Protein backbone atom coordinates (compact mmCIF):
# COMPACT_ATOMS: atom_id res chain seq x y z
CA MET A 1 -78.53 15.83 124.20
CA ARG A 2 -77.38 12.30 123.72
CA ARG A 3 -75.65 13.09 120.44
CA ARG A 4 -73.65 16.27 120.54
CA PHE A 5 -72.27 18.49 117.82
CA LEU A 6 -68.75 17.68 118.96
CA LEU A 7 -69.02 14.31 117.29
CA VAL A 8 -70.22 15.84 114.05
CA ALA A 9 -66.83 17.45 113.84
CA VAL A 10 -64.60 14.75 115.18
CA LEU A 11 -66.33 11.61 114.04
CA VAL A 12 -67.50 12.07 110.50
CA VAL A 13 -64.06 10.54 110.53
CA SER A 14 -62.13 9.40 107.54
CA PHE A 15 -64.49 10.67 104.91
CA ALA A 16 -62.78 13.96 105.38
CA VAL A 17 -60.62 12.18 102.83
CA VAL A 18 -63.39 13.14 100.43
CA VAL A 19 -62.37 16.75 100.77
CA ALA A 20 -58.72 15.78 100.77
CA ALA A 21 -59.35 14.12 97.45
CA ALA A 22 -61.24 17.12 96.19
CA LEU A 23 -58.62 19.61 97.28
CA LEU A 24 -55.72 17.45 96.20
CA ALA A 25 -57.88 15.85 93.50
CA ALA A 26 -56.33 12.47 93.74
CA ALA A 27 -56.47 10.27 90.71
CA ILE A 28 -54.57 7.48 92.35
CA LEU A 29 -53.49 4.97 89.79
CA ALA A 30 -51.42 2.49 91.76
CA GLY A 31 -52.99 -0.94 91.64
CA CYS A 32 -52.40 -4.59 91.01
CA GLY A 33 -52.08 -4.64 87.27
CA SER A 34 -54.42 -6.23 84.82
CA PRO A 35 -55.91 -9.72 85.23
CA ASP A 36 -53.63 -11.03 82.48
CA ALA A 37 -50.49 -9.97 84.33
CA SER A 38 -48.08 -12.60 85.58
CA LEU A 39 -49.65 -14.48 88.47
CA THR A 40 -48.18 -16.47 91.32
CA GLU A 41 -49.74 -18.93 93.71
CA VAL A 42 -49.84 -18.54 97.46
CA ARG A 43 -51.23 -21.23 99.73
CA LEU A 44 -53.42 -20.03 102.59
CA ASP A 45 -54.96 -22.08 105.37
CA SER A 46 -58.23 -21.91 103.40
CA GLY A 47 -56.85 -22.65 99.93
CA PRO A 48 -54.55 -21.37 97.18
CA VAL A 49 -54.79 -17.83 95.76
CA SER A 50 -53.06 -16.00 92.94
CA GLY A 51 -52.30 -12.34 92.49
CA ALA A 52 -50.65 -9.99 90.02
CA GLN A 53 -47.33 -8.22 89.93
CA GLN A 54 -46.78 -4.60 88.94
CA ASP A 55 -43.65 -2.50 89.25
CA GLY A 56 -41.96 -4.78 91.73
CA VAL A 57 -44.96 -5.36 94.00
CA TRP A 58 -47.25 -8.35 94.25
CA CYS A 59 -50.88 -7.52 94.92
CA PHE A 60 -53.69 -9.82 96.02
CA LYS A 61 -57.13 -8.24 96.05
CA GLY A 62 -60.34 -9.54 97.57
CA ILE A 63 -59.06 -12.39 99.75
CA PRO A 64 -61.90 -13.63 102.01
CA TYR A 65 -60.81 -13.73 105.65
CA ALA A 66 -64.17 -14.85 107.10
CA ALA A 67 -67.37 -16.42 105.87
CA PRO A 68 -69.96 -14.11 104.30
CA PRO A 69 -71.90 -12.62 107.27
CA VAL A 70 -75.26 -13.09 105.59
CA GLY A 71 -78.53 -14.82 106.46
CA ALA A 72 -78.24 -16.55 109.82
CA LEU A 73 -74.69 -15.15 110.20
CA ARG A 74 -75.85 -11.53 110.17
CA TRP A 75 -75.15 -10.03 113.62
CA ARG A 76 -73.00 -12.95 114.67
CA PRO A 77 -69.23 -13.09 115.22
CA PRO A 78 -67.25 -13.75 112.02
CA GLN A 79 -67.02 -17.43 111.12
CA PRO A 80 -64.25 -19.36 109.31
CA VAL A 81 -64.10 -19.31 105.54
CA SER A 82 -65.21 -22.45 103.73
CA PRO A 83 -62.01 -23.91 102.24
CA TRP A 84 -61.45 -24.24 98.49
CA LYS A 85 -59.16 -26.45 96.38
CA ASP A 86 -58.73 -24.66 93.06
CA VAL A 87 -56.55 -21.58 92.78
CA ARG A 88 -58.62 -18.48 93.48
CA ALA A 89 -57.58 -15.50 91.34
CA CYS A 90 -57.47 -12.49 93.68
CA VAL A 91 -57.14 -9.62 91.19
CA ALA A 92 -60.34 -7.67 91.98
CA PHE A 93 -61.38 -6.02 95.22
CA GLY A 94 -64.14 -7.66 97.24
CA PRO A 95 -67.35 -5.69 97.86
CA ALA A 96 -67.50 -2.98 100.48
CA CYS A 97 -70.00 -3.19 103.31
CA PRO A 98 -73.37 -1.58 102.37
CA GLN A 99 -73.27 2.08 103.37
CA PRO A 100 -75.01 5.39 102.77
CA ALA A 101 -73.81 7.52 99.90
CA SER A 102 -70.96 9.82 100.87
CA GLY A 103 -72.01 12.53 98.46
CA ALA A 104 -68.61 12.43 96.77
CA GLU A 105 -68.49 9.07 95.03
CA PHE A 106 -66.64 10.62 92.10
CA TYR A 107 -63.63 10.97 94.37
CA MET A 108 -64.16 8.30 96.99
CA ASP A 109 -65.94 5.45 95.28
CA VAL A 110 -65.86 2.27 97.36
CA GLY A 111 -66.95 0.19 94.39
CA ARG A 112 -69.35 -2.72 94.68
CA GLN A 113 -71.27 -3.09 97.90
CA SER A 114 -72.61 -6.27 99.44
CA GLU A 115 -73.30 -7.73 102.84
CA ASP A 116 -70.75 -10.34 101.76
CA CYS A 117 -67.92 -7.91 102.51
CA LEU A 118 -65.29 -9.55 104.70
CA TYR A 119 -62.33 -9.30 102.36
CA LEU A 120 -58.79 -7.99 102.63
CA ASN A 121 -56.02 -6.99 100.25
CA VAL A 122 -52.27 -7.61 100.40
CA TRP A 123 -49.34 -5.78 98.79
CA SER A 124 -45.93 -7.43 99.11
CA PRO A 125 -42.51 -6.56 97.63
CA ALA A 126 -41.65 -8.89 94.76
CA LYS A 127 -37.91 -8.76 95.47
CA ALA A 128 -36.79 -12.05 96.93
CA THR A 129 -35.47 -11.95 100.49
CA THR A 130 -34.66 -14.51 103.13
CA GLU A 131 -35.90 -12.22 105.91
CA ARG A 132 -39.51 -11.93 106.98
CA LEU A 133 -40.81 -8.43 106.38
CA PRO A 134 -42.69 -6.14 108.78
CA VAL A 135 -46.46 -6.14 108.27
CA MET A 136 -48.72 -3.07 108.34
CA VAL A 137 -52.48 -3.66 108.65
CA TRP A 138 -54.63 -0.62 107.78
CA ILE A 139 -58.02 -0.10 109.44
CA HIS A 140 -59.99 2.50 107.51
CA GLY A 141 -62.08 5.30 108.96
CA GLY A 142 -65.53 6.57 108.05
CA SER A 143 -67.49 7.09 111.29
CA PHE A 144 -68.04 3.32 111.50
CA THR A 145 -70.61 3.82 108.71
CA THR A 146 -68.65 4.35 105.49
CA GLY A 147 -65.39 3.43 103.77
CA ALA A 148 -63.55 0.36 102.55
CA GLY A 149 -60.02 -0.98 102.42
CA SER A 150 -60.24 -0.86 98.63
CA MET A 151 -60.44 2.93 98.36
CA ASP A 152 -57.79 4.33 96.03
CA VAL A 153 -56.28 6.58 98.67
CA TYR A 154 -55.37 3.44 100.66
CA SER A 155 -53.48 1.70 97.85
CA GLY A 156 -50.56 -0.07 99.54
CA HIS A 157 -48.42 -0.33 96.42
CA ASN A 158 -46.02 2.54 97.10
CA LEU A 159 -45.73 1.81 100.80
CA ALA A 160 -44.83 -1.81 100.02
CA THR A 161 -41.85 -0.64 97.95
CA LYS A 162 -40.31 0.47 101.25
CA GLY A 163 -39.93 -3.14 102.37
CA VAL A 164 -43.17 -3.87 104.23
CA VAL A 165 -46.17 -6.08 103.58
CA VAL A 166 -49.32 -3.93 103.55
CA VAL A 167 -52.79 -5.27 104.33
CA THR A 168 -56.03 -3.28 104.04
CA ILE A 169 -59.29 -4.69 105.31
CA ASN A 170 -63.05 -4.29 105.12
CA TYR A 171 -65.21 -4.71 108.19
CA ARG A 172 -68.92 -4.48 108.90
CA LEU A 173 -70.28 -0.96 109.24
CA GLY A 174 -73.37 0.83 110.50
CA ALA A 175 -76.19 -1.34 111.76
CA LEU A 176 -74.59 -4.43 110.25
CA GLY A 177 -71.46 -3.82 112.29
CA PHE A 178 -72.61 -2.23 115.54
CA LEU A 179 -76.29 -2.90 116.24
CA ALA A 180 -76.99 -4.03 119.80
CA HIS A 181 -80.42 -5.34 120.74
CA PRO A 182 -81.73 -7.44 123.66
CA ALA A 183 -82.79 -10.20 121.26
CA LEU A 184 -79.29 -10.37 119.77
CA SER A 185 -77.70 -10.31 123.22
CA LYS A 186 -79.94 -13.13 124.39
CA GLU A 187 -78.99 -15.44 121.54
CA SER A 188 -75.26 -14.60 121.65
CA GLY A 189 -74.43 -16.89 124.56
CA ASP A 190 -72.34 -14.25 126.33
CA GLY A 191 -75.06 -11.72 127.08
CA GLY A 192 -73.83 -9.02 124.72
CA SER A 193 -74.32 -7.82 121.16
CA GLY A 194 -72.89 -5.25 118.79
CA ASN A 195 -69.14 -4.91 118.11
CA TYR A 196 -69.36 -7.11 115.02
CA GLY A 197 -67.15 -4.60 113.21
CA LEU A 198 -64.47 -4.85 115.91
CA LEU A 199 -64.76 -8.64 115.87
CA ASP A 200 -64.18 -8.51 112.10
CA GLN A 201 -61.02 -6.49 112.66
CA LEU A 202 -59.85 -9.08 115.17
CA ALA A 203 -60.65 -11.89 112.72
CA ALA A 204 -58.60 -10.14 110.04
CA LEU A 205 -55.67 -9.85 112.46
CA GLN A 206 -56.03 -13.55 113.30
CA TRP A 207 -55.93 -14.28 109.55
CA VAL A 208 -52.70 -12.28 109.34
CA GLN A 209 -51.16 -14.37 112.11
CA ARG A 210 -52.05 -17.58 110.27
CA ASN A 211 -51.25 -16.56 106.70
CA ILE A 212 -49.01 -13.54 106.31
CA ALA A 213 -45.80 -15.59 106.26
CA ALA A 214 -46.94 -16.95 102.87
CA PHE A 215 -46.61 -13.39 101.53
CA GLY A 216 -43.17 -12.86 103.06
CA GLY A 217 -44.48 -11.13 106.18
CA ASP A 218 -43.43 -11.67 109.78
CA PRO A 219 -46.39 -12.44 112.07
CA ALA A 220 -44.23 -11.32 115.01
CA LYS A 221 -43.86 -7.81 113.50
CA VAL A 222 -47.42 -6.69 112.87
CA THR A 223 -48.33 -3.00 113.12
CA VAL A 224 -51.95 -1.89 113.09
CA PHE A 225 -52.39 1.59 111.67
CA GLY A 226 -55.48 3.60 110.92
CA GLU A 227 -57.05 7.04 110.85
CA SER A 228 -60.06 8.50 112.67
CA ALA A 229 -62.60 5.67 113.14
CA GLY A 230 -59.70 3.37 112.28
CA ALA A 231 -57.60 5.04 114.97
CA ILE A 232 -60.49 4.82 117.45
CA SER A 233 -60.67 1.11 116.64
CA ILE A 234 -56.96 0.75 117.37
CA LEU A 235 -57.24 2.59 120.69
CA ASP A 236 -60.09 0.19 121.52
CA LEU A 237 -58.19 -2.90 120.37
CA LEU A 238 -55.30 -1.88 122.60
CA VAL A 239 -57.54 -2.37 125.64
CA SER A 240 -59.42 -5.42 124.39
CA PRO A 241 -58.50 -8.74 126.01
CA LEU A 242 -59.13 -10.40 122.64
CA SER A 243 -56.19 -8.59 120.99
CA LYS A 244 -53.43 -10.39 122.86
CA GLY A 245 -50.69 -11.54 120.52
CA LEU A 246 -52.30 -10.18 117.35
CA PHE A 247 -50.05 -7.15 116.83
CA GLN A 248 -46.84 -5.75 118.26
CA ARG A 249 -47.04 -2.03 117.41
CA ALA A 250 -49.77 0.54 116.81
CA ILE A 251 -50.16 3.78 114.84
CA ALA A 252 -53.21 5.95 115.49
CA GLU A 253 -53.78 8.97 113.25
CA SER A 254 -56.37 11.53 114.41
CA GLY A 255 -58.28 9.32 116.82
CA ILE A 256 -60.60 10.26 119.68
CA LEU A 257 -61.24 8.92 123.16
CA LEU A 258 -64.28 10.60 124.71
CA ASP A 259 -65.73 8.14 127.18
CA SER A 260 -65.36 9.89 130.54
CA GLY A 261 -66.90 13.31 131.01
CA PHE A 262 -67.54 15.58 128.01
CA GLY A 263 -71.19 14.50 127.80
CA VAL A 264 -70.36 12.65 124.58
CA ALA A 265 -68.72 9.31 123.89
CA THR A 266 -66.91 7.31 121.27
CA THR A 267 -68.09 4.11 122.95
CA SER A 268 -71.51 3.18 124.31
CA ASP A 269 -72.36 1.01 127.30
CA LEU A 270 -74.41 -2.08 126.49
CA ALA A 271 -77.65 -0.94 128.13
CA THR A 272 -77.64 2.35 126.21
CA ALA A 273 -76.75 0.59 122.97
CA GLU A 274 -79.52 -1.98 123.42
CA LYS A 275 -82.08 0.75 124.08
CA ALA A 276 -80.92 2.57 120.95
CA GLY A 277 -81.22 -0.75 119.10
CA GLU A 278 -84.80 -1.20 120.29
CA ASP A 279 -85.67 2.32 119.12
CA TYR A 280 -84.07 1.59 115.76
CA ALA A 281 -85.97 -1.69 115.46
CA ALA A 282 -89.23 0.13 116.14
CA ARG A 283 -88.50 2.53 113.28
CA LEU A 284 -87.81 -0.50 111.10
CA GLY A 285 -91.31 -1.75 111.90
CA ILE A 286 -90.18 -4.75 113.96
CA ASP A 287 -92.91 -6.33 116.11
CA PRO A 288 -91.41 -6.57 119.64
CA SER A 289 -93.84 -9.33 120.59
CA GLY A 290 -92.39 -11.61 117.91
CA ASP A 291 -88.92 -12.88 117.08
CA ALA A 292 -87.19 -9.54 116.69
CA ALA A 293 -83.86 -11.02 115.59
CA ALA A 294 -85.47 -13.09 112.84
CA GLN A 295 -87.54 -10.14 111.65
CA MET A 296 -84.47 -7.93 111.40
CA ARG A 297 -82.48 -10.60 109.59
CA ALA A 298 -85.30 -10.85 107.05
CA LEU A 299 -84.74 -7.22 106.02
CA THR A 300 -82.40 -6.29 103.19
CA PRO A 301 -79.34 -4.09 103.75
CA GLU A 302 -81.13 -1.41 101.74
CA GLN A 303 -84.05 -1.51 104.17
CA LEU A 304 -81.65 -1.16 107.10
CA LEU A 305 -79.94 1.82 105.48
CA ALA A 306 -83.25 3.49 104.63
CA VAL A 307 -84.07 4.12 108.30
CA ASP A 308 -82.27 6.84 110.22
CA PRO A 309 -81.42 5.26 113.59
CA THR A 310 -81.28 8.61 115.40
CA PRO A 311 -83.51 11.30 113.88
CA SER A 312 -82.33 14.58 115.36
CA THR A 313 -81.27 18.14 114.70
CA LEU A 314 -77.75 19.04 113.65
CA LEU A 315 -76.58 19.80 117.17
CA GLU A 316 -77.88 16.43 118.36
CA THR A 317 -76.35 14.41 115.53
CA GLY A 318 -73.02 12.75 116.11
CA LEU A 319 -71.58 9.26 115.90
CA THR A 320 -74.59 7.10 115.09
CA TRP A 321 -72.89 3.71 115.37
CA MET A 322 -69.99 3.04 117.70
CA PRO A 323 -68.14 0.30 119.60
CA ILE A 324 -69.81 -0.97 122.75
CA ALA A 325 -68.49 -1.83 126.20
CA ASP A 326 -70.10 -5.26 126.05
CA GLY A 327 -68.06 -6.99 128.75
CA ARG A 328 -66.23 -9.20 126.27
CA VAL A 329 -64.63 -7.27 123.42
CA LEU A 330 -64.46 -4.18 125.62
CA THR A 331 -64.76 -4.85 129.34
CA ASP A 332 -65.34 -1.16 130.14
CA ALA A 333 -65.27 2.24 128.45
CA PRO A 334 -61.86 2.50 126.75
CA THR A 335 -60.97 5.81 128.43
CA ARG A 336 -61.38 4.21 131.86
CA LEU A 337 -59.30 1.22 130.76
CA TRP A 338 -56.56 3.55 129.52
CA LEU A 339 -56.79 5.54 132.76
CA ASP A 340 -56.27 2.32 134.70
CA GLY A 341 -53.24 1.41 132.60
CA ARG A 342 -54.89 -1.70 131.16
CA GLN A 343 -53.78 -1.12 127.58
CA MET A 344 -51.37 -3.47 125.80
CA ARG A 345 -47.83 -2.23 126.33
CA VAL A 346 -46.60 -1.90 122.74
CA PRO A 347 -44.76 0.90 120.92
CA LEU A 348 -47.26 3.59 119.90
CA LEU A 349 -47.00 6.27 117.22
CA ILE A 350 -49.85 8.74 117.53
CA GLY A 351 -50.79 12.26 116.55
CA SER A 352 -53.18 14.73 114.99
CA ASN A 353 -53.40 17.47 112.37
CA LYS A 354 -53.14 21.20 112.98
CA ASP A 355 -56.59 22.11 111.65
CA GLU A 356 -58.69 18.99 112.29
CA GLY A 357 -61.88 20.91 113.03
CA ASN A 358 -61.95 23.21 110.02
CA LEU A 359 -63.41 20.68 107.63
CA PHE A 360 -66.61 20.16 109.59
CA LEU A 361 -67.54 23.72 110.45
CA GLN A 362 -68.02 25.34 107.05
CA GLY A 363 -71.20 27.42 107.08
CA LEU A 364 -71.96 26.65 110.72
CA ARG A 365 -73.88 29.33 112.57
CA ILE A 366 -74.46 29.00 116.32
CA PRO A 367 -75.69 31.90 118.49
CA ALA A 368 -73.27 32.85 121.23
CA ALA A 369 -75.85 32.03 123.93
CA GLN A 370 -76.33 28.56 122.53
CA TYR A 371 -72.56 28.17 122.34
CA GLN A 372 -72.26 28.84 126.06
CA GLU A 373 -74.98 26.30 126.80
CA TYR A 374 -73.24 23.76 124.61
CA MET A 375 -69.88 24.32 126.29
CA THR A 376 -71.51 23.86 129.70
CA LYS A 377 -72.92 20.50 128.66
CA ILE A 378 -69.55 19.40 127.29
CA PHE A 379 -67.25 20.65 130.04
CA GLY A 380 -69.56 20.69 133.05
CA PRO A 381 -67.81 22.30 136.04
CA TYR A 382 -64.94 23.32 133.76
CA ALA A 383 -67.16 25.28 131.36
CA GLN A 384 -65.87 28.70 132.39
CA GLU A 385 -62.30 27.56 131.94
CA ALA A 386 -63.22 26.26 128.48
CA LEU A 387 -65.02 29.48 127.54
CA ALA A 388 -62.00 31.50 128.64
CA LEU A 389 -59.81 29.34 126.42
CA TYR A 390 -62.24 29.42 123.49
CA PRO A 391 -64.23 32.69 123.70
CA ALA A 392 -66.76 33.64 121.04
CA GLN A 393 -65.21 36.14 118.65
CA GLY A 394 -67.48 39.01 117.62
CA GLY A 395 -70.53 36.80 117.94
CA SER A 396 -69.03 34.05 115.79
CA VAL A 397 -68.16 30.72 117.35
CA THR A 398 -66.89 28.91 114.26
CA GLU A 399 -63.21 29.58 114.90
CA PRO A 400 -63.24 28.77 118.65
CA LEU A 401 -65.27 25.62 117.97
CA SER A 402 -62.77 24.52 115.35
CA ARG A 403 -59.89 25.11 117.73
CA MET A 404 -61.66 23.30 120.55
CA LEU A 405 -62.42 20.29 118.37
CA THR A 406 -58.86 20.18 117.13
CA GLU A 407 -57.22 20.61 120.51
CA VAL A 408 -59.57 19.10 123.09
CA GLY A 409 -60.76 16.34 120.76
CA PHE A 410 -57.84 15.13 118.67
CA ALA A 411 -54.64 16.57 120.16
CA SER A 412 -55.56 15.83 123.76
CA THR A 413 -56.39 12.21 122.90
CA ALA A 414 -52.98 11.78 121.29
CA ARG A 415 -51.17 13.26 124.28
CA PHE A 416 -53.30 11.28 126.75
CA ALA A 417 -52.56 7.96 125.03
CA ALA A 418 -48.85 8.80 124.66
CA ARG A 419 -48.60 9.63 128.37
CA GLN A 420 -50.45 6.53 129.47
CA MET A 421 -48.43 4.25 127.20
CA SER A 422 -45.09 5.69 128.27
CA ALA A 423 -45.94 5.66 132.00
CA ALA A 424 -44.47 2.85 134.06
CA SER A 425 -47.65 2.06 135.96
CA GLY A 426 -50.63 -0.19 135.54
CA ALA A 427 -54.08 -0.81 136.96
CA GLY A 428 -54.52 0.71 140.40
CA GLY A 429 -50.98 2.08 140.31
CA ALA A 430 -49.44 -1.39 140.01
CA ALA A 431 -46.01 -1.51 138.38
CA ALA A 432 -46.08 -2.09 134.62
CA SER A 433 -43.40 -1.76 131.99
CA ALA A 434 -43.58 1.39 129.92
CA ALA A 435 -43.66 1.25 126.14
CA PRO A 436 -42.21 3.96 123.90
CA ALA A 437 -44.65 6.44 122.39
CA TYR A 438 -44.00 8.93 119.60
CA LEU A 439 -46.23 12.00 119.30
CA TYR A 440 -46.64 14.09 116.14
CA GLN A 441 -48.54 17.02 114.69
CA PHE A 442 -49.10 17.24 110.92
CA THR A 443 -49.07 20.87 109.75
CA ARG A 444 -48.50 20.79 105.98
CA VAL A 445 -51.12 22.69 103.93
CA PRO A 446 -51.12 21.28 100.38
CA LEU A 447 -52.00 23.62 97.50
CA ASP A 448 -52.59 26.46 100.00
CA ASN A 449 -56.11 25.15 100.55
CA PRO A 450 -58.32 27.30 102.80
CA LEU A 451 -59.04 24.47 105.26
CA GLY A 452 -55.42 24.22 106.32
CA ALA A 453 -54.00 20.93 107.58
CA PHE A 454 -57.44 19.43 107.98
CA HIS A 455 -58.70 16.05 109.17
CA SER A 456 -57.32 13.15 107.06
CA VAL A 457 -55.06 15.22 104.81
CA GLU A 458 -52.01 13.28 106.04
CA ILE A 459 -53.19 9.94 104.63
CA PRO A 460 -51.86 10.35 101.05
CA TYR A 461 -48.47 11.28 102.52
CA VAL A 462 -48.40 8.15 104.68
CA PHE A 463 -49.23 5.85 101.77
CA GLY A 464 -46.87 7.59 99.35
CA ASN A 465 -49.71 8.45 96.99
CA ALA A 466 -49.27 12.23 96.96
CA GLY A 467 -47.14 11.96 93.81
CA LEU A 468 -50.12 10.60 91.90
CA PHE A 469 -52.37 13.63 92.47
CA THR A 470 -53.10 15.16 89.08
CA ARG A 471 -55.94 17.65 89.48
CA LEU A 472 -56.41 21.14 90.92
CA GLY A 473 -52.79 22.11 90.81
CA LYS A 474 -49.22 20.98 91.07
CA LEU A 475 -47.80 19.84 94.38
CA ASP A 476 -44.55 21.34 95.60
CA GLN A 477 -41.39 19.32 96.01
CA ALA A 478 -41.93 19.79 99.75
CA ASP A 479 -45.01 17.56 99.51
CA TYR A 480 -43.05 14.73 97.92
CA ASP A 481 -40.20 15.16 100.40
CA LEU A 482 -42.58 15.11 103.36
CA SER A 483 -44.33 12.01 102.03
CA ALA A 484 -41.01 10.22 101.63
CA ALA A 485 -40.01 11.18 105.15
CA MET A 486 -43.30 10.02 106.64
CA MET A 487 -43.15 6.72 104.79
CA GLY A 488 -39.69 6.25 106.25
CA TYR A 489 -40.82 7.03 109.80
CA TRP A 490 -43.90 4.79 109.55
CA THR A 491 -42.09 1.80 108.01
CA ARG A 492 -39.09 2.00 110.35
CA PHE A 493 -41.52 2.07 113.26
CA ALA A 494 -43.21 -1.02 111.81
CA ALA A 495 -39.86 -2.76 111.57
CA THR A 496 -38.38 -1.88 114.96
CA GLY A 497 -40.88 0.01 117.09
CA ASP A 498 -38.71 3.13 116.65
CA PRO A 499 -39.29 5.58 113.75
CA ASN A 500 -35.76 6.96 113.86
CA GLY A 501 -33.00 6.24 111.39
CA GLY A 502 -32.31 6.66 107.72
CA GLY A 503 -30.77 10.09 108.24
CA ALA A 504 -34.17 11.60 109.11
CA PRO A 505 -34.53 14.33 111.77
CA ASP A 506 -34.59 12.85 115.25
CA TRP A 507 -38.00 11.98 116.67
CA PRO A 508 -37.74 11.92 120.49
CA ALA A 509 -39.73 9.34 122.38
CA TYR A 510 -42.50 10.98 124.36
CA GLN A 511 -41.87 11.89 127.99
CA THR A 512 -44.36 13.74 130.16
CA VAL A 513 -41.68 15.96 131.65
CA THR A 514 -40.53 17.28 128.25
CA ASP A 515 -43.84 16.92 126.37
CA ARG A 516 -42.06 16.81 123.00
CA HIS A 517 -43.53 15.96 119.62
CA LEU A 518 -42.46 15.94 115.99
CA VAL A 519 -43.82 18.58 113.62
CA LEU A 520 -44.49 17.14 110.16
CA GLY A 521 -44.88 20.18 107.96
CA ASP A 522 -43.06 22.44 105.54
CA THR A 523 -40.01 21.39 107.51
CA ILE A 524 -39.64 18.61 110.06
CA ALA A 525 -38.71 19.79 113.53
CA THR A 526 -39.21 19.00 117.20
CA GLY A 527 -41.75 20.96 119.25
CA SER A 528 -42.96 20.81 122.84
CA GLY A 529 -46.00 21.67 124.90
CA LEU A 530 -48.49 21.23 122.05
CA TYR A 531 -51.81 22.82 123.13
CA SER A 532 -50.83 22.19 126.73
CA GLN A 533 -53.67 24.29 128.22
CA ALA A 534 -56.30 22.49 126.14
CA CYS A 535 -54.79 19.07 126.86
CA ASP A 536 -54.63 19.82 130.58
CA LEU A 537 -58.29 20.87 130.50
CA ALA A 538 -59.27 17.69 128.67
CA ASP A 539 -57.37 15.62 131.22
CA LYS A 540 -59.34 17.27 134.03
CA VAL A 541 -62.59 16.28 132.33
CA ARG A 542 -61.30 12.76 131.81
CA GLY A 543 -60.35 12.50 135.46
CA VAL A 544 -56.64 12.03 134.87
CA PRO A 545 -54.90 12.13 138.27
């Protein structure tokens, strides 16, 4: 099976926030203020913009960072914005990339949608300072098919009050962001196609380098942070040769690297992606004897969304669209690049949640025999070791699958990246400077919800938005305290590359020999050996020496 059930669980990605919103029932109110609020003018390299101030924070919504990727620019790298002369009022979010309905728009509405979607948003403290502030650039999740930087749960207002400049971005999604096809590769000039979504992220980071000083930010202190598909993007950007100089620190929340072994992948090779693109084009009704690229560009986004690119059963459905090892943006599968020590050596804060898998397995029923077959396809020669670690329980495989997805998928990726980043070795064993890594596990269960500390539940704590939840119950003081602590860790890391300070419990830098991590839960404490058996098993499958 080319698409495996594992990716259903681990790569529906950040729209687990839908359930987070439902369980926590977020009615997040932080914003930019009304259009008639006091405005200021900021000069960008493309022209002047104005924003609005609310409660000590300036906010600029819907700033274009690249030209609209429409018409002839569909499935091409992002192009420069056409400059303007008059002040552009940036008080409303730009459109989100066209995407399928999430099924929970009441909670997670992305607002307007349009192929003209390459916009970003900036929150900056209004308090005057002579020092340039650290910058935090958020890359949203959503399986590379859904989401937007404008979603309420990502409001940067409260985080900005901690003395950082916060940027959230949109990027192209689904077929618009990750379609590879021989016709597109032929016209590209470099022999590859796809990765338009990653190229958008890079263009946004280039925009930050050129313009963030105008908002009080320091282009030499840029931290990329993101969750799930956003975290996968960051792990990919860390091994992309095009990222050099664009950021100095990285935070990856609940990301996955499954590119070696496992029988599943979070990145495709170009040949496989092009074949999938040809199959998709056929379902779109494209005539392969004609100009396929022109025919596809003539279709509307709605027509592109109306066709399922990979019709399949549940167990064969996984990550439909994904980054591609195209030889330019990604020179190889990211796992192999990380194994070779080819990642950027920058401070890394990375971790996962205690019950990542629970969200995706509600109502799942898999016969025990089919479970064994599935585990064999995932773990290959290590299947018996995996089955011993995750045995079926009374004929039910829901619980062991959830644990496997949590531990082998998310937690092992975090430990793997932390070990590789903190190791003083490079490609082929060559000497390379180590960079500090900080590993965490989020364990807090808000409102005693039955899914536990599930995938994405940490996001409101990171952004300081937990205090604005108003439905389905009252949060405990422990939730507010944990959010304040996490905001402190995240912003100190953005400022210095070290999350410690401010009187918070000590967070030890990761070392393989001690295997220590920080537990972010009812209390904050140091742990060690997190899921060591599962992580060791995953490393065997990855081919870690």
